[in-house]
Amino acid sequence: MNRQRLLIGLSLIIFYSSFCFAQSDDFGLDFTLEAEKKLNKQWSLNLEGELRTRDDASTNDRWSVGVGADYKLAKWLKASAGYTLLYDNNVKISYYNATDEAVLDGDAEVGEPKKCAKYWGTRHRFSVSLTASQKFGDWKFSLRERWQYTYRPEYTVDERWSYLTKSYDGKAHTYDGKGKNVLRSRLQIEYDKKGLALTPYANVELFNAWSLQKVRYTAGVDWKLSKQHSLGAFYRYQSVNTDDDDNEPNRHLIGISYKFKF
C-alpha cells in the first residue's frame, strides 16, 4: 500500500512538472545522497553529496559535498552549521557597452554578447541556521532561517570565445574572487502521522541579499523504508529575480534522494 502511494505521488510530481515545463523555463534533475550520525539526544552529524543538471537535464550543472552538525536547543528549536564545497559548470558572458571600440565603429550594438568563457570552478559555502517547529495533530509546521556566505575564488581562463570574430581570442582573462551573503527563509508544512511510512511536505523558500534574489517552491514526499534507510522525491520550481552569483534561470527541478542513518 505504501509503495502504491509513493508511485502515485511520484507520478503526480512528474506530471505536474511536465505540464509546467511547456513554458520557456529550464528543466533539471537533482540527485542527493546523505548520511547522518546521531551522537546523542542533542547532537548529530551529517554528510551530503549532490549532483544537479541543467539545460533540459542534458548538462551537468554542479557537484557538491557538504558536512554539517545539528544541535537540539529545545524540543521545538534546532541550531545547525555546515560547510559545502561546490564545483560549478560556469558560463560567463560579457556584453558590449557604449564605450567599446566595436560599438563605436558600428560593428556591434550595446547589449549584444561580447565574449564567453566556459569552465569548471569551485565555491566555498558556510552556513548557520535556526529551525523552529511545532506540531498540530498530524501536521508539522517549521520555519528555518539560514545565513550563508559563499566565496568564489579568483579564476583565470586561457581564452574566451568572441561573438564578433566567431573565434577564440587567445588571451587569458581573470575573473576576480567574490563573496556573497544570503539570508534564506523557509516555511514548511508536512503531514507527519505516526506509523505512516510516507511523509508528504511542501515549502517555500526566499533568498534575500539586500533584495529578493529568488524564490523556491517545493512539494515532495519522504518514504521511510526502515529505521536506517529512507528515500525522497520532490518537484521544485525556482523563480529568479536577480542573482549575479549563481547566474541561474527560472527552472523546474525533479529531485531524488537517499538517506542513511547510523
Protein backbone atom coordinates (compact mmCIF):
# COMPACT_ATOMS: atom_id res chain seq x y z
CA MET A 1 0.00 0.00 0.00
CA ASN A 2 2.80 2.40 0.90
CA ARG A 3 4.57 1.62 -2.37
CA GLN A 4 1.40 2.35 -4.33
CA ARG A 5 1.05 5.70 -2.59
CA LEU A 6 4.67 6.56 -3.33
CA LEU A 7 4.27 5.69 -7.01
CA ILE A 8 1.11 7.79 -7.21
CA GLY A 9 2.92 10.70 -5.56
CA LEU A 10 5.89 10.43 -7.92
CA SER A 11 3.58 10.27 -10.93
CA LEU A 12 1.77 13.42 -9.83
CA ILE A 13 5.06 15.25 -9.32
CA ILE A 14 6.38 14.26 -12.75
CA PHE A 15 3.06 15.08 -14.44
CA TYR A 16 2.91 18.50 -12.83
CA SER A 17 6.49 19.35 -13.74
CA SER A 18 5.94 18.23 -17.34
CA PHE A 19 2.85 20.41 -17.57
CA CYS A 20 4.69 23.46 -16.23
CA PHE A 21 7.67 22.83 -18.49
CA ALA A 22 5.50 23.66 -21.51
CA GLN A 23 6.74 27.20 -20.83
CA SER A 24 10.22 28.55 -21.67
CA ASP A 25 11.90 27.84 -18.31
CA ASP A 26 14.81 25.44 -17.90
CA PHE A 27 14.47 21.90 -16.53
CA GLY A 28 16.94 19.90 -14.45
CA LEU A 29 17.43 16.89 -12.19
CA ASP A 30 18.82 16.71 -8.67
CA PHE A 31 20.37 13.59 -7.08
CA THR A 32 21.32 13.59 -3.39
CA LEU A 33 22.99 11.07 -1.07
CA GLU A 34 23.05 11.78 2.66
CA ALA A 35 24.42 10.04 5.76
CA GLU A 36 23.51 11.04 9.31
CA LYS A 37 25.03 10.00 12.62
CA LYS A 38 23.18 10.75 15.85
CA LEU A 39 25.73 11.19 18.64
CA ASN A 40 23.24 11.69 21.49
CA LYS A 41 19.85 13.26 22.16
CA GLN A 42 21.13 16.71 21.19
CA TRP A 43 23.98 16.32 18.70
CA SER A 44 24.02 14.82 15.21
CA LEU A 45 26.43 14.98 12.26
CA ASN A 46 25.67 14.70 8.55
CA LEU A 47 27.47 14.26 5.23
CA GLU A 48 25.82 15.04 1.89
CA GLY A 49 26.72 14.71 -1.79
CA GLU A 50 24.72 16.22 -4.65
CA LEU A 51 24.64 16.29 -8.45
CA ARG A 52 22.48 18.82 -10.28
CA THR A 53 21.80 19.12 -14.03
CA ARG A 54 20.51 21.91 -16.29
CA ASP A 55 19.71 22.66 -19.97
CA ASP A 56 16.76 20.25 -20.02
CA ALA A 57 18.81 17.80 -17.90
CA SER A 58 21.41 17.45 -20.68
CA THR A 59 24.30 19.23 -18.91
CA ASN A 60 25.90 18.65 -15.51
CA ASP A 61 25.39 21.91 -13.64
CA ARG A 62 27.30 21.27 -10.42
CA TRP A 63 28.64 18.74 -7.96
CA SER A 64 28.80 19.40 -4.25
CA VAL A 65 29.79 17.73 -1.00
CA GLY A 66 28.91 19.11 2.41
CA VAL A 67 29.36 18.38 6.10
CA GLY A 68 27.28 19.72 8.95
CA ALA A 69 26.24 19.45 12.58
CA ASP A 70 22.87 19.88 14.30
CA TYR A 71 22.28 20.76 17.94
CA LYS A 72 18.85 20.49 19.56
CA LEU A 73 18.42 23.55 21.77
CA ALA A 74 14.88 22.59 22.78
CA LYS A 75 12.15 20.21 21.70
CA TRP A 76 10.95 22.80 19.18
CA LEU A 77 14.24 24.52 18.26
CA LYS A 78 17.35 23.26 16.42
CA ALA A 79 20.62 25.01 15.52
CA SER A 80 22.78 23.93 12.57
CA ALA A 81 26.11 24.80 10.97
CA GLY A 82 27.80 23.46 7.87
CA TYR A 83 30.33 23.77 5.06
CA THR A 84 29.77 22.85 1.40
CA LEU A 85 32.31 22.59 -1.41
CA LEU A 86 30.66 23.42 -4.76
CA TYR A 87 32.14 22.52 -8.14
CA ASP A 88 30.27 24.52 -10.79
CA ASN A 89 29.99 24.34 -14.56
CA ASN A 90 30.26 28.07 -15.29
CA VAL A 91 29.22 30.01 -18.38
CA LYS A 92 30.43 33.63 -18.22
CA ILE A 93 29.17 36.01 -20.92
CA SER A 94 30.19 39.66 -21.22
CA TYR A 95 28.16 42.24 -23.17
CA TYR A 96 29.03 45.30 -25.22
CA ASN A 97 28.68 48.75 -23.68
CA ALA A 98 28.69 52.21 -25.26
CA THR A 99 32.45 52.75 -24.85
CA ASP A 100 33.59 49.54 -26.58
CA GLU A 101 35.54 50.05 -29.81
CA ALA A 102 33.33 47.64 -31.77
CA VAL A 103 30.25 49.68 -30.79
CA LEU A 104 31.91 52.98 -31.73
CA ASP A 105 32.94 51.51 -35.09
CA GLY A 106 29.42 50.26 -35.75
CA ASP A 107 30.37 46.57 -35.72
CA ALA A 108 28.27 45.77 -32.63
CA GLU A 109 25.41 47.22 -30.62
CA VAL A 110 25.11 47.93 -26.91
CA GLY A 111 23.79 44.90 -25.04
CA GLU A 112 24.90 42.31 -27.59
CA PRO A 113 27.00 39.39 -26.28
CA LYS A 114 30.72 40.14 -26.49
CA LYS A 115 32.76 37.21 -25.19
CA CYS A 116 32.06 33.88 -23.50
CA ALA A 117 34.09 31.60 -21.24
CA LYS A 118 33.11 28.11 -20.08
CA TYR A 119 34.95 26.44 -17.21
CA TRP A 120 34.55 24.36 -14.06
CA GLY A 121 35.34 26.23 -10.84
CA THR A 122 34.94 25.88 -7.08
CA ARG A 123 32.97 27.82 -4.49
CA HIS A 124 33.11 27.55 -0.71
CA ARG A 125 29.89 27.91 1.27
CA PHE A 126 29.47 28.31 5.03
CA SER A 127 26.09 28.41 6.76
CA VAL A 128 24.41 28.64 10.15
CA SER A 129 20.69 28.24 10.76
CA LEU A 130 17.91 28.04 13.32
CA THR A 131 14.84 25.86 12.75
CA ALA A 132 11.69 26.23 14.86
CA SER A 133 8.95 23.60 14.52
CA GLN A 134 5.55 22.93 16.04
CA LYS A 135 3.11 20.06 15.61
CA PHE A 136 -0.69 20.40 15.48
CA GLY A 137 -2.18 16.93 15.36
CA ASP A 138 -0.62 15.14 12.41
CA TRP A 139 0.55 18.39 10.79
CA LYS A 140 4.01 19.80 11.44
CA PHE A 141 4.94 23.41 10.68
CA SER A 142 8.52 24.70 10.65
CA LEU A 143 10.38 27.91 9.93
CA ARG A 144 14.08 27.85 9.09
CA GLU A 145 16.25 30.97 8.96
CA ARG A 146 19.64 30.33 7.38
CA TRP A 147 22.54 32.70 6.80
CA GLN A 148 25.04 31.54 4.22
CA TYR A 149 28.28 33.02 2.94
CA THR A 150 29.62 31.82 -0.41
CA TYR A 151 33.09 32.64 -1.72
CA ARG A 152 34.11 32.16 -5.34
CA PRO A 153 37.95 32.20 -5.68
CA GLU A 154 39.74 34.08 -8.44
CA TYR A 155 39.96 32.07 -11.67
CA THR A 156 41.90 32.58 -14.92
CA VAL A 157 40.80 31.13 -18.26
CA ASP A 158 43.25 30.71 -21.16
CA GLU A 159 40.93 32.28 -23.74
CA ARG A 160 37.36 33.34 -24.45
CA TRP A 161 35.04 32.94 -27.41
CA SER A 162 34.41 36.16 -29.37
CA TYR A 163 30.91 36.55 -30.80
CA LEU A 164 32.20 39.22 -33.20
CA THR A 165 35.03 37.26 -34.82
CA LYS A 166 33.41 33.84 -34.28
CA SER A 167 36.68 32.50 -32.85
CA TYR A 168 38.67 32.28 -29.62
CA ASP A 169 40.63 35.43 -28.77
CA GLY A 170 43.75 33.60 -27.49
CA LYS A 171 44.01 35.94 -24.48
CA ALA A 172 43.97 34.94 -20.82
CA HIS A 173 41.27 36.55 -18.69
CA THR A 174 40.95 36.57 -14.90
CA TYR A 175 37.64 36.59 -13.04
CA ASP A 176 38.05 38.23 -9.64
CA GLY A 177 37.24 36.42 -6.41
CA LYS A 178 33.87 37.29 -4.93
CA GLY A 179 31.99 36.72 -1.68
CA LYS A 180 28.24 36.88 -1.11
CA ASN A 181 25.97 36.84 1.94
CA VAL A 182 22.43 35.48 1.63
CA LEU A 183 19.59 35.07 4.13
CA ARG A 184 17.37 32.10 3.31
CA SER A 185 13.93 31.89 4.94
CA ARG A 186 11.97 28.64 4.51
CA LEU A 187 8.43 27.96 5.69
CA GLN A 188 7.39 24.28 5.53
CA ILE A 189 4.34 22.16 6.27
CA GLU A 190 4.39 18.35 6.38
CA TYR A 191 1.94 15.58 7.17
CA ASP A 192 3.74 13.61 9.88
CA LYS A 193 1.37 10.87 11.04
CA LYS A 194 2.77 8.34 13.49
CA GLY A 195 3.11 4.89 11.93
CA LEU A 196 2.87 6.21 8.37
CA ALA A 197 5.96 5.49 6.27
CA LEU A 198 5.24 8.32 3.82
CA THR A 199 5.68 11.96 4.82
CA PRO A 200 4.44 14.44 2.20
CA TYR A 201 5.54 18.06 2.54
CA ALA A 202 5.54 21.44 0.83
CA ASN A 203 7.62 24.54 1.41
CA VAL A 204 8.51 27.96 0.06
CA GLU A 205 11.98 29.48 0.49
CA LEU A 206 13.04 33.10 -0.03
CA PHE A 207 16.64 34.12 -0.84
CA ASN A 208 17.49 37.66 0.25
CA ALA A 209 20.72 39.61 -0.32
CA TRP A 210 19.64 43.24 0.32
CA SER A 211 16.83 42.44 -2.12
CA LEU A 212 14.83 39.35 -3.06
CA GLN A 213 17.13 37.19 -5.21
CA LYS A 214 14.97 34.15 -5.87
CA VAL A 215 12.09 32.04 -4.55
CA ARG A 216 11.84 28.25 -4.47
CA TYR A 217 8.53 26.38 -4.30
CA THR A 218 8.87 22.69 -3.40
CA ALA A 219 6.48 19.77 -2.97
CA GLY A 220 7.68 16.26 -2.20
CA VAL A 221 7.44 13.09 -0.20
CA ASP A 222 9.85 11.15 2.04
CA TRP A 223 9.50 7.38 2.34
CA LYS A 224 10.92 5.69 5.42
CA LEU A 225 11.98 2.20 4.36
CA SER A 226 13.38 1.27 7.79
CA LYS A 227 15.00 2.91 10.81
CA GLN A 228 18.18 3.42 8.78
CA HIS A 229 17.08 3.84 5.17
CA SER A 230 14.79 6.39 3.52
CA LEU A 231 14.05 7.67 0.02
CA GLY A 232 12.74 11.02 -1.11
CA ALA A 233 11.35 12.67 -4.23
CA PHE A 234 10.34 16.24 -4.92
CA TYR A 235 9.31 18.75 -7.56
CA ARG A 236 10.66 22.30 -7.31
CA TYR A 237 10.09 25.50 -9.22
CA GLN A 238 12.69 28.24 -8.87
CA SER A 239 11.77 31.82 -9.74
CA VAL A 240 14.81 34.10 -10.12
CA ASN A 241 14.66 37.87 -9.74
CA THR A 242 18.32 38.95 -9.60
CA ASP A 243 21.13 36.51 -8.82
CA ASP A 244 24.53 37.67 -10.08
CA ASP A 245 26.42 34.85 -8.33
CA ASP A 246 24.69 31.63 -9.39
CA ASN A 247 23.52 33.02 -12.76
CA GLU A 248 20.56 30.65 -12.67
CA PRO A 249 17.40 30.96 -14.79
CA ASN A 250 13.85 30.13 -13.78
CA ARG A 251 13.91 26.35 -13.51
CA HIS A 252 11.77 23.27 -12.92
CA LEU A 253 13.59 20.56 -10.98
CA ILE A 254 12.86 16.91 -10.19
CA GLY A 255 14.84 15.54 -7.25
CA ILE A 256 15.58 12.05 -5.92
CA SER A 257 17.35 11.44 -2.60
CA TYR A 258 18.58 8.60 -0.41
CA LYS A 259 19.38 8.94 3.29
CA PHE A 260 21.18 6.53 5.61
CA LYS A 261 21.14 6.87 9.40
CA PHE A 262 23.65 5.06 11.57
